[in-house]
Amino acid sequence: MDTFDRRSEIIRLLQDRGRASTRELSERFGVSEVTIRNDLELLEQQGWLERVHGGASLSPRLLAEQPFTVRQQQHVPEKMKLARRAVQLLRPGDTILLDSSTTVFQLAREIAALNTGGKSFPLRVVTNNLYAVGLLANCPNVELIILGGVVRGETGSIVGPFAVEMLRSLHADKGFFSASGLTLERGFTDADIREVEMKRAMLAAVGQVCVLLDASKFGQQSFLSFAHLSDIHHLITEAGIPPEYVEACQQLGITLSIV
């Protein structure tokens, strides 16, 4: 395990348990306590944990992660515009993956609207987004597949090794994602390692990757990268994003939709 992966695993352990000792981490990862203390010092500087006697605890900032219902109310008009463009990419009979983001939840709303009031737009939808499940469960023309695993109540998502393993046996035509931030250096990032693991597994299971990202996310970054800009096929965003991102998409052959 390289340094980056070890530090990512430390964050995941703290997210699961809240606290861990230096000795415990040293034994778990098979490295010296000096190495672990160096890891903890760097992660503390980055704001991911707090050092305590004999170990570390997760930063209160991460423990206070905003729930889905709060994030759902942020940048709503922008997310709706992105979703209205994304739904135009769908074709009847497509198999698609939806991540657990609030932006992609707006796409689930658009899909539900295609299958209500006597309208029919058949799709197979695979998702770990419980809020999207609630919307689409009663759509007669949507075959809904829920990824199984551990439910994160605060985010309304399903994560964990069972869900990742299930994704390994699936293939979808298109996948729709969002992120906490995007930089040219680190690509698309999110804070929670469990969500990042799911996004990585989803990316590997789709033929075309589409990211919906409002303009506020450009130039922002979180702890973990789940995809480089070169890994995606279509970026849907707003007018006014920094010109270097437009240029990068052109150079990489990424379809860029400005809404």
C-alpha atoms as a PDB file:
ATOM      1  CA  MET A   1       0.000   0.000   0.000  1.00  0.00           C
ATOM      2  CA  ASP A   2       1.463   3.350  -1.013  1.00  0.00           C
ATOM      3  CA  THR A   3       1.477   6.466   1.154  1.00  0.00           C
ATOM      4  CA  PHE A   4      -1.613   8.036  -0.416  1.00  0.00           C
ATOM      5  CA  ASP A   5      -3.689   4.860  -0.056  1.00  0.00           C
ATOM      6  CA  ARG A   6      -2.559   4.386   3.547  1.00  0.00           C
ATOM      7  CA  ARG A   7      -3.581   7.915   4.477  1.00  0.00           C
ATOM      8  CA  SER A   8      -6.907   7.429   2.714  1.00  0.00           C
ATOM      9  CA  GLU A   9      -7.472   4.256   4.723  1.00  0.00           C
ATOM     10  CA  ILE A  10      -6.664   6.121   7.932  1.00  0.00           C
ATOM     11  CA  ILE A  11      -9.404   8.626   7.127  1.00  0.00           C
ATOM     12  CA  ARG A  12     -11.846   5.815   6.363  1.00  0.00           C
ATOM     13  CA  LEU A  13     -11.070   4.109   9.661  1.00  0.00           C
ATOM     14  CA  LEU A  14     -11.636   7.338  11.554  1.00  0.00           C
ATOM     15  CA  GLN A  15     -14.886   7.933   9.678  1.00  0.00           C
ATOM     16  CA  ASP A  16     -16.079   4.508  10.775  1.00  0.00           C
ATOM     17  CA  ARG A  17     -14.862   4.635  14.375  1.00  0.00           C
ATOM     18  CA  GLY A  18     -14.136   8.280  15.193  1.00  0.00           C
ATOM     19  CA  ARG A  19     -10.768   7.592  16.835  1.00  0.00           C
ATOM     20  CA  ALA A  20      -7.705   5.304  16.559  1.00  0.00           C
ATOM     21  CA  SER A  21      -4.367   4.943  18.343  1.00  0.00           C
ATOM     22  CA  THR A  22      -0.959   5.333  16.715  1.00  0.00           C
ATOM     23  CA  ARG A  23      -0.012   1.816  17.785  1.00  0.00           C
ATOM     24  CA  GLU A  24      -3.182   0.337  16.320  1.00  0.00           C
ATOM     25  CA  LEU A  25      -2.602   2.093  12.990  1.00  0.00           C
ATOM     26  CA  SER A  26       1.035   0.995  12.935  1.00  0.00           C
ATOM     27  CA  GLU A  27       0.048  -2.656  13.370  1.00  0.00           C
ATOM     28  CA  ARG A  28      -2.821  -2.423  10.890  1.00  0.00           C
ATOM     29  CA  PHE A  29      -0.724  -1.006   8.069  1.00  0.00           C
ATOM     30  CA  GLY A  30       2.572  -2.728   8.881  1.00  0.00           C
ATOM     31  CA  VAL A  31       4.617   0.464   9.181  1.00  0.00           C
ATOM     32  CA  SER A  32       6.445   2.113  12.063  1.00  0.00           C
ATOM     33  CA  GLU A  33       4.759   4.396  14.558  1.00  0.00           C
ATOM     34  CA  VAL A  34       7.063   7.157  13.331  1.00  0.00           C
ATOM     35  CA  THR A  35       5.580   6.757   9.848  1.00  0.00           C
ATOM     36  CA  ILE A  36       2.050   6.837  11.261  1.00  0.00           C
ATOM     37  CA  ARG A  37       2.811   9.978  13.281  1.00  0.00           C
ATOM     38  CA  ASN A  38       4.064  11.626  10.078  1.00  0.00           C
ATOM     39  CA  ASP A  39       0.825  10.618   8.353  1.00  0.00           C
ATOM     40  CA  LEU A  40      -1.278  11.998  11.193  1.00  0.00           C
ATOM     41  CA  GLU A  41       0.671  15.248  11.276  1.00  0.00           C
ATOM     42  CA  LEU A  42       0.089  15.849   7.575  1.00  0.00           C
ATOM     43  CA  LEU A  43      -3.598  14.907   7.755  1.00  0.00           C
ATOM     44  CA  GLU A  44      -4.030  17.244  10.715  1.00  0.00           C
ATOM     45  CA  GLN A  45      -2.436  20.090   8.736  1.00  0.00           C
ATOM     46  CA  GLN A  46      -4.925  19.407   5.942  1.00  0.00           C
ATOM     47  CA  GLY A  47      -7.818  19.543   8.386  1.00  0.00           C
ATOM     48  CA  TRP A  48      -8.925  15.912   8.227  1.00  0.00           C
ATOM     49  CA  LEU A  49      -8.198  14.898  11.809  1.00  0.00           C
ATOM     50  CA  GLU A  50      -7.139  16.135  15.224  1.00  0.00           C
ATOM     51  CA  ARG A  51      -4.229  14.706  17.167  1.00  0.00           C
ATOM     52  CA  VAL A  52      -5.101  13.351  20.599  1.00  0.00           C
ATOM     53  CA  HIS A  53      -2.946  11.625  23.197  1.00  0.00           C
ATOM     54  CA  GLY A  54      -1.682   8.400  21.640  1.00  0.00           C
ATOM     55  CA  GLY A  55      -3.494   8.764  18.334  1.00  0.00           C
ATOM     56  CA  ALA A  56      -6.017  10.827  16.400  1.00  0.00           C
ATOM     57  CA  SER A  57      -9.724  11.523  16.067  1.00  0.00           C
ATOM     58  CA  LEU A  58     -11.746  12.620  13.069  1.00  0.00           C
ATOM     59  CA  SER A  59     -12.017  16.370  12.608  1.00  0.00           C
ATOM     60  CA  PRO A  60     -15.336  17.796  13.871  1.00  0.00           C
ATOM     61  CA  ARG A  61     -15.653  19.418  10.451  1.00  0.00           C
ATOM     62  CA  LEU A  62     -16.005  15.994   8.891  1.00  0.00           C
ATOM     63  CA  LEU A  63     -18.214  14.655  11.628  1.00  0.00           C
ATOM     64  CA  ALA A  64     -20.582  17.547  10.864  1.00  0.00           C
ATOM     65  CA  GLU A  65     -21.021  16.575   7.210  1.00  0.00           C
ATOM     66  CA  GLN A  66     -24.089  18.269   5.807  1.00  0.00           C
ATOM     67  CA  PRO A  67     -26.991  15.865   5.342  1.00  0.00           C
ATOM     68  CA  PHE A  68     -28.587  15.302   1.945  1.00  0.00           C
ATOM     69  CA  THR A  69     -31.649  17.328   2.891  1.00  0.00           C
ATOM     70  CA  VAL A  70     -29.494  20.395   3.547  1.00  0.00           C
ATOM     71  CA  ARG A  71     -27.336  20.063   0.428  1.00  0.00           C
ATOM     72  CA  GLN A  72     -30.439  19.485  -1.631  1.00  0.00           C
ATOM     73  CA  GLN A  73     -31.477  23.096  -0.982  1.00  0.00           C
ATOM     74  CA  GLN A  74     -28.197  24.578  -2.232  1.00  0.00           C
ATOM     75  CA  HIS A  75     -27.783  25.873  -5.816  1.00  0.00           C
ATOM     76  CA  VAL A  76     -31.148  24.375  -6.755  1.00  0.00           C
ATOM     77  CA  PRO A  77     -31.775  26.401  -9.960  1.00  0.00           C
ATOM     78  CA  GLU A  78     -28.304  25.542 -11.231  1.00  0.00           C
ATOM     79  CA  LYS A  79     -28.717  21.831 -10.491  1.00  0.00           C
ATOM     80  CA  MET A  80     -32.090  21.788 -12.233  1.00  0.00           C
ATOM     81  CA  LYS A  81     -30.605  23.332 -15.374  1.00  0.00           C
ATOM     82  CA  LEU A  82     -27.827  20.767 -15.438  1.00  0.00           C
ATOM     83  CA  ALA A  83     -30.313  17.925 -14.980  1.00  0.00           C
ATOM     84  CA  ARG A  84     -32.544  19.173 -17.803  1.00  0.00           C
ATOM     85  CA  ARG A  85     -29.548  19.032 -20.139  1.00  0.00           C
ATOM     86  CA  ALA A  86     -28.430  15.616 -18.867  1.00  0.00           C
ATOM     87  CA  VAL A  87     -31.821  13.990 -19.439  1.00  0.00           C
ATOM     88  CA  GLN A  88     -31.493  14.859 -23.140  1.00  0.00           C
ATOM     89  CA  LEU A  89     -28.588  12.404 -23.359  1.00  0.00           C
ATOM     90  CA  LEU A  90     -30.827   9.452 -22.517  1.00  0.00           C
ATOM     91  CA  ARG A  91     -32.257   7.079 -25.088  1.00  0.00           C
ATOM     92  CA  PRO A  92     -35.167   4.683 -24.519  1.00  0.00           C
ATOM     93  CA  GLY A  93     -33.862   1.367 -23.262  1.00  0.00           C
ATOM     94  CA  ASP A  94     -30.617   2.761 -21.837  1.00  0.00           C
ATOM     95  CA  THR A  95     -29.072   1.262 -18.729  1.00  0.00           C
ATOM     96  CA  ILE A  96     -27.730   4.102 -16.584  1.00  0.00           C
ATOM     97  CA  LEU A  97     -25.950   4.588 -13.257  1.00  0.00           C
ATOM     98  CA  LEU A  98     -26.824   7.462 -10.919  1.00  0.00           C
ATOM     99  CA  ASP A  99     -24.521   8.431  -8.051  1.00  0.00           C
ATOM    100  CA  SER A 100     -25.712   9.654  -4.649  1.00  0.00           C
ATOM    101  CA  SER A 101     -25.177  13.392  -5.223  1.00  0.00           C
ATOM    102  CA  THR A 102     -27.940  15.960  -4.859  1.00  0.00           C
ATOM    103  CA  THR A 103     -27.215  17.218  -8.383  1.00  0.00           C
ATOM    104  CA  VAL A 104     -27.838  13.798  -9.911  1.00  0.00           C
ATOM    105  CA  PHE A 105     -30.947  13.526  -7.737  1.00  0.00           C
ATOM    106  CA  GLN A 106     -32.349  16.330  -9.891  1.00  0.00           C
ATOM    107  CA  LEU A 107     -31.748  14.095 -12.912  1.00  0.00           C
ATOM    108  CA  ALA A 108     -33.820  11.398 -11.181  1.00  0.00           C
ATOM    109  CA  ARG A 109     -36.616  13.973 -10.959  1.00  0.00           C
ATOM    110  CA  GLU A 110     -36.381  14.537 -14.711  1.00  0.00           C
ATOM    111  CA  ILE A 111     -36.495  10.787 -15.356  1.00  0.00           C
ATOM    112  CA  ALA A 112     -39.577  10.447 -13.156  1.00  0.00           C
ATOM    113  CA  ALA A 113     -41.254  13.230 -15.138  1.00  0.00           C
ATOM    114  CA  LEU A 114     -40.644  11.257 -18.357  1.00  0.00           C
ATOM    115  CA  ASN A 115     -42.648   8.370 -16.912  1.00  0.00           C
ATOM    116  CA  THR A 116     -45.651  10.065 -15.344  1.00  0.00           C
ATOM    117  CA  GLY A 117     -48.951  11.331 -16.688  1.00  0.00           C
ATOM    118  CA  GLY A 118     -49.233   8.535 -19.225  1.00  0.00           C
ATOM    119  CA  LYS A 119     -45.788   9.187 -20.684  1.00  0.00           C
ATOM    120  CA  SER A 120     -43.391   6.304 -21.272  1.00  0.00           C
ATOM    121  CA  PHE A 121     -39.595   6.393 -21.428  1.00  0.00           C
ATOM    122  CA  PRO A 122     -38.232   2.918 -20.569  1.00  0.00           C
ATOM    123  CA  LEU A 123     -34.915   2.826 -18.728  1.00  0.00           C
ATOM    124  CA  ARG A 124     -32.932   0.552 -16.469  1.00  0.00           C
ATOM    125  CA  VAL A 125     -31.562   2.625 -13.573  1.00  0.00           C
ATOM    126  CA  VAL A 126     -28.865   1.415 -11.175  1.00  0.00           C
ATOM    127  CA  THR A 127     -28.214   3.612  -8.153  1.00  0.00           C
ATOM    128  CA  ASN A 128     -27.064   3.858  -4.542  1.00  0.00           C
ATOM    129  CA  ASN A 129     -29.123   7.025  -4.030  1.00  0.00           C
ATOM    130  CA  LEU A 130     -32.047   6.223  -1.717  1.00  0.00           C
ATOM    131  CA  TYR A 131     -33.758   9.514  -2.497  1.00  0.00           C
ATOM    132  CA  ALA A 132     -33.657   8.666  -6.197  1.00  0.00           C
ATOM    133  CA  VAL A 133     -35.050   5.226  -5.349  1.00  0.00           C
ATOM    134  CA  GLY A 134     -38.005   6.883  -3.627  1.00  0.00           C
ATOM    135  CA  LEU A 135     -38.716   8.912  -6.754  1.00  0.00           C
ATOM    136  CA  LEU A 136     -38.354   6.145  -9.304  1.00  0.00           C
ATOM    137  CA  ALA A 137     -39.769   3.133  -7.464  1.00  0.00           C
ATOM    138  CA  ASN A 138     -43.293   3.727  -8.758  1.00  0.00           C
ATOM    139  CA  CYS A 139     -42.365   4.555 -12.348  1.00  0.00           C
ATOM    140  CA  PRO A 140     -43.803   1.629 -14.335  1.00  0.00           C
ATOM    141  CA  ASN A 141     -41.325   1.946 -17.201  1.00  0.00           C
ATOM    142  CA  VAL A 142     -38.203   2.187 -15.053  1.00  0.00           C
ATOM    143  CA  GLU A 143     -36.477  -1.029 -14.071  1.00  0.00           C
ATOM    144  CA  LEU A 144     -34.813   0.012 -10.831  1.00  0.00           C
ATOM    145  CA  ILE A 145     -31.765  -1.774  -9.424  1.00  0.00           C
ATOM    146  CA  ILE A 146     -30.623  -0.769  -5.937  1.00  0.00           C
ATOM    147  CA  LEU A 147     -27.020  -1.408  -4.977  1.00  0.00           C
ATOM    148  CA  GLY A 148     -26.859  -3.306  -1.701  1.00  0.00           C
ATOM    149  CA  GLY A 149     -24.642  -2.407   1.225  1.00  0.00           C
ATOM    150  CA  VAL A 150     -24.398  -0.114   4.220  1.00  0.00           C
ATOM    151  CA  VAL A 151     -26.926   2.714   4.405  1.00  0.00           C
ATOM    152  CA  ARG A 152     -25.559   6.144   5.291  1.00  0.00           C
ATOM    153  CA  GLY A 153     -28.638   7.788   6.719  1.00  0.00           C
ATOM    154  CA  GLU A 154     -27.240  11.312   6.680  1.00  0.00           C
ATOM    155  CA  THR A 155     -26.479  11.183   2.952  1.00  0.00           C
ATOM    156  CA  GLY A 156     -29.226   8.824   1.827  1.00  0.00           C
ATOM    157  CA  SER A 157     -26.661   6.641   0.085  1.00  0.00           C
ATOM    158  CA  ILE A 158     -25.579   2.999   0.085  1.00  0.00           C
ATOM    159  CA  VAL A 159     -21.854   2.276   0.321  1.00  0.00           C
ATOM    160  CA  GLY A 160     -19.427  -0.475   1.230  1.00  0.00           C
ATOM    161  CA  PRO A 161     -17.804  -3.611  -0.196  1.00  0.00           C
ATOM    162  CA  PHE A 162     -21.061  -5.403  -1.048  1.00  0.00           C
ATOM    163  CA  ALA A 163     -22.148  -2.534  -3.275  1.00  0.00           C
ATOM    164  CA  VAL A 164     -18.708  -2.286  -4.875  1.00  0.00           C
ATOM    165  CA  GLU A 165     -18.689  -6.035  -5.585  1.00  0.00           C
ATOM    166  CA  MET A 166     -22.153  -5.807  -7.124  1.00  0.00           C
ATOM    167  CA  LEU A 167     -20.932  -3.079  -9.468  1.00  0.00           C
ATOM    168  CA  ARG A 168     -18.154  -5.337 -10.732  1.00  0.00           C
ATOM    169  CA  SER A 169     -20.755  -7.592 -12.327  1.00  0.00           C
ATOM    170  CA  LEU A 170     -22.687  -4.759 -13.989  1.00  0.00           C
ATOM    171  CA  HIS A 171     -22.302  -2.671 -17.120  1.00  0.00           C
ATOM    172  CA  ALA A 172     -24.272   0.468 -17.927  1.00  0.00           C
ATOM    173  CA  ASP A 173     -24.432   2.557 -21.071  1.00  0.00           C
ATOM    174  CA  LYS A 174     -24.058   5.855 -19.242  1.00  0.00           C
ATOM    175  CA  GLY A 175     -23.153   7.033 -15.751  1.00  0.00           C
ATOM    176  CA  PHE A 176     -24.053  10.367 -14.183  1.00  0.00           C
ATOM    177  CA  PHE A 177     -21.953  11.898 -11.421  1.00  0.00           C
ATOM    178  CA  SER A 178     -21.236  15.082  -9.525  1.00  0.00           C
ATOM    179  CA  ALA A 179     -18.404  16.106  -7.197  1.00  0.00           C
ATOM    180  CA  SER A 180     -17.415  18.456  -4.392  1.00  0.00           C
ATOM    181  CA  GLY A 181     -14.847  20.092  -6.630  1.00  0.00           C
ATOM    182  CA  LEU A 182     -12.734  20.014  -9.773  1.00  0.00           C
ATOM    183  CA  THR A 183      -9.165  21.142 -10.352  1.00  0.00           C
ATOM    184  CA  LEU A 184      -6.963  20.488 -13.359  1.00  0.00           C
ATOM    185  CA  GLU A 185      -4.281  18.986 -11.126  1.00  0.00           C
ATOM    186  CA  ARG A 186      -6.399  16.552  -9.089  1.00  0.00           C
ATOM    187  CA  GLY A 187      -9.524  16.116 -11.134  1.00  0.00           C
ATOM    188  CA  PHE A 188     -12.872  15.449  -9.477  1.00  0.00           C
ATOM    189  CA  THR A 189     -12.789  15.149  -5.695  1.00  0.00           C
ATOM    190  CA  ASP A 190     -15.002  14.326  -2.722  1.00  0.00           C
ATOM    191  CA  ALA A 191     -14.423  14.186   1.026  1.00  0.00           C
ATOM    192  CA  ASP A 192     -15.811  10.819   2.120  1.00  0.00           C
ATOM    193  CA  ILE A 193     -13.745   7.789   1.159  1.00  0.00           C
ATOM    194  CA  ARG A 194     -16.801   5.513   1.149  1.00  0.00           C
ATOM    195  CA  GLU A 195     -18.537   7.709  -1.412  1.00  0.00           C
ATOM    196  CA  VAL A 196     -15.339   7.955  -3.449  1.00  0.00           C
ATOM    197  CA  GLU A 197     -15.010   4.161  -3.525  1.00  0.00           C
ATOM    198  CA  MET A 198     -18.522   3.922  -4.888  1.00  0.00           C
ATOM    199  CA  LYS A 199     -17.893   6.540  -7.545  1.00  0.00           C
ATOM    200  CA  ARG A 200     -14.712   4.782  -8.662  1.00  0.00           C
ATOM    201  CA  ALA A 201     -16.536   1.460  -8.936  1.00  0.00           C
ATOM    202  CA  MET A 202     -19.375   3.115 -10.846  1.00  0.00           C
ATOM    203  CA  LEU A 203     -16.946   4.744 -13.268  1.00  0.00           C
ATOM    204  CA  ALA A 204     -15.459   1.351 -14.066  1.00  0.00           C
ATOM    205  CA  ALA A 205     -18.925  -0.029 -14.840  1.00  0.00           C
ATOM    206  CA  VAL A 206     -20.094   2.510 -17.441  1.00  0.00           C
ATOM    207  CA  GLY A 207     -19.412   3.107 -21.104  1.00  0.00           C
ATOM    208  CA  GLN A 208     -19.920   6.867 -21.077  1.00  0.00           C
ATOM    209  CA  VAL A 209     -19.180   9.083 -18.075  1.00  0.00           C
ATOM    210  CA  CYS A 210     -21.127  12.309 -17.682  1.00  0.00           C
ATOM    211  CA  VAL A 211     -20.430  14.781 -14.865  1.00  0.00           C
ATOM    212  CA  LEU A 212     -22.866  17.516 -13.818  1.00  0.00           C
ATOM    213  CA  LEU A 213     -21.030  20.335 -12.062  1.00  0.00           C
ATOM    214  CA  ASP A 214     -22.201  23.822 -11.223  1.00  0.00           C
ATOM    215  CA  ALA A 215     -19.756  26.699 -11.608  1.00  0.00           C
ATOM    216  CA  SER A 216     -19.098  27.049  -7.862  1.00  0.00           C
ATOM    217  CA  LYS A 217     -17.200  23.718  -7.853  1.00  0.00           C
ATOM    218  CA  PHE A 218     -14.457  24.755 -10.299  1.00  0.00           C
ATOM    219  CA  GLY A 219     -11.122  25.394  -8.632  1.00  0.00           C
ATOM    220  CA  GLN A 220     -12.350  23.725  -5.435  1.00  0.00           C
ATOM    221  CA  GLN A 221     -10.929  20.461  -4.133  1.00  0.00           C
ATOM    222  CA  SER A 222     -11.642  17.969  -1.414  1.00  0.00           C
ATOM    223  CA  PHE A 223      -9.582  15.180   0.121  1.00  0.00           C
ATOM    224  CA  LEU A 224      -9.883  12.321  -2.385  1.00  0.00           C
ATOM    225  CA  SER A 225      -9.823  12.179  -6.176  1.00  0.00           C
ATOM    226  CA  PHE A 226     -12.205   9.769  -7.857  1.00  0.00           C
ATOM    227  CA  ALA A 227     -11.581  10.682 -11.505  1.00  0.00           C
ATOM    228  CA  HIS A 228      -9.309  12.768 -13.683  1.00  0.00           C
ATOM    229  CA  LEU A 229     -10.784  15.106 -16.246  1.00  0.00           C
ATOM    230  CA  SER A 230      -9.452  12.755 -18.926  1.00  0.00           C
ATOM    231  CA  ASP A 231     -11.609   9.911 -17.502  1.00  0.00           C
ATOM    232  CA  ILE A 232     -14.905  11.490 -18.490  1.00  0.00           C
ATOM    233  CA  HIS A 233     -16.705  11.909 -21.796  1.00  0.00           C
ATOM    234  CA  HIS A 234     -19.198  14.706 -21.155  1.00  0.00           C
ATOM    235  CA  LEU A 235     -19.141  17.668 -18.764  1.00  0.00           C
ATOM    236  CA  ILE A 236     -22.340  19.635 -18.202  1.00  0.00           C
ATOM    237  CA  THR A 237     -21.855  22.967 -16.461  1.00  0.00           C
ATOM    238  CA  GLU A 238     -22.743  26.657 -16.486  1.00  0.00           C
ATOM    239  CA  ALA A 239     -21.503  29.687 -18.372  1.00  0.00           C
ATOM    240  CA  GLY A 240     -18.625  31.613 -16.842  1.00  0.00           C
ATOM    241  CA  ILE A 241     -16.363  28.741 -15.804  1.00  0.00           C
ATOM    242  CA  PRO A 242     -12.603  29.545 -15.951  1.00  0.00           C
ATOM    243  CA  PRO A 243     -11.313  29.440 -19.553  1.00  0.00           C
ATOM    244  CA  GLU A 244      -8.549  26.964 -18.716  1.00  0.00           C
ATOM    245  CA  TYR A 245     -11.192  24.296 -18.096  1.00  0.00           C
ATOM    246  CA  VAL A 246     -12.817  24.974 -21.464  1.00  0.00           C
ATOM    247  CA  GLU A 247      -9.411  24.661 -23.116  1.00  0.00           C
ATOM    248  CA  ALA A 248      -8.632  21.438 -21.230  1.00  0.00           C
ATOM    249  CA  CYS A 249     -11.912  19.869 -22.359  1.00  0.00           C
ATOM    250  CA  GLN A 250     -11.181  20.821 -25.959  1.00  0.00           C
ATOM    251  CA  GLN A 251      -7.696  19.325 -25.794  1.00  0.00           C
ATOM    252  CA  LEU A 252      -8.980  16.091 -24.258  1.00  0.00           C
ATOM    253  CA  GLY A 253     -11.889  15.718 -26.666  1.00  0.00           C
ATOM    254  CA  ILE A 254     -14.495  16.006 -23.893  1.00  0.00           C
ATOM    255  CA  THR A 255     -17.953  17.145 -24.895  1.00  0.00           C
ATOM    256  CA  LEU A 256     -18.687  20.342 -22.975  1.00  0.00           C
ATOM    257  CA  SER A 257     -22.289  21.454 -22.553  1.00  0.00           C
ATOM    258  CA  ILE A 258     -22.851  24.973 -21.197  1.00  0.00           C
ATOM    259  CA  VAL A 259     -26.369  25.557 -19.875  1.00  0.00           C
END
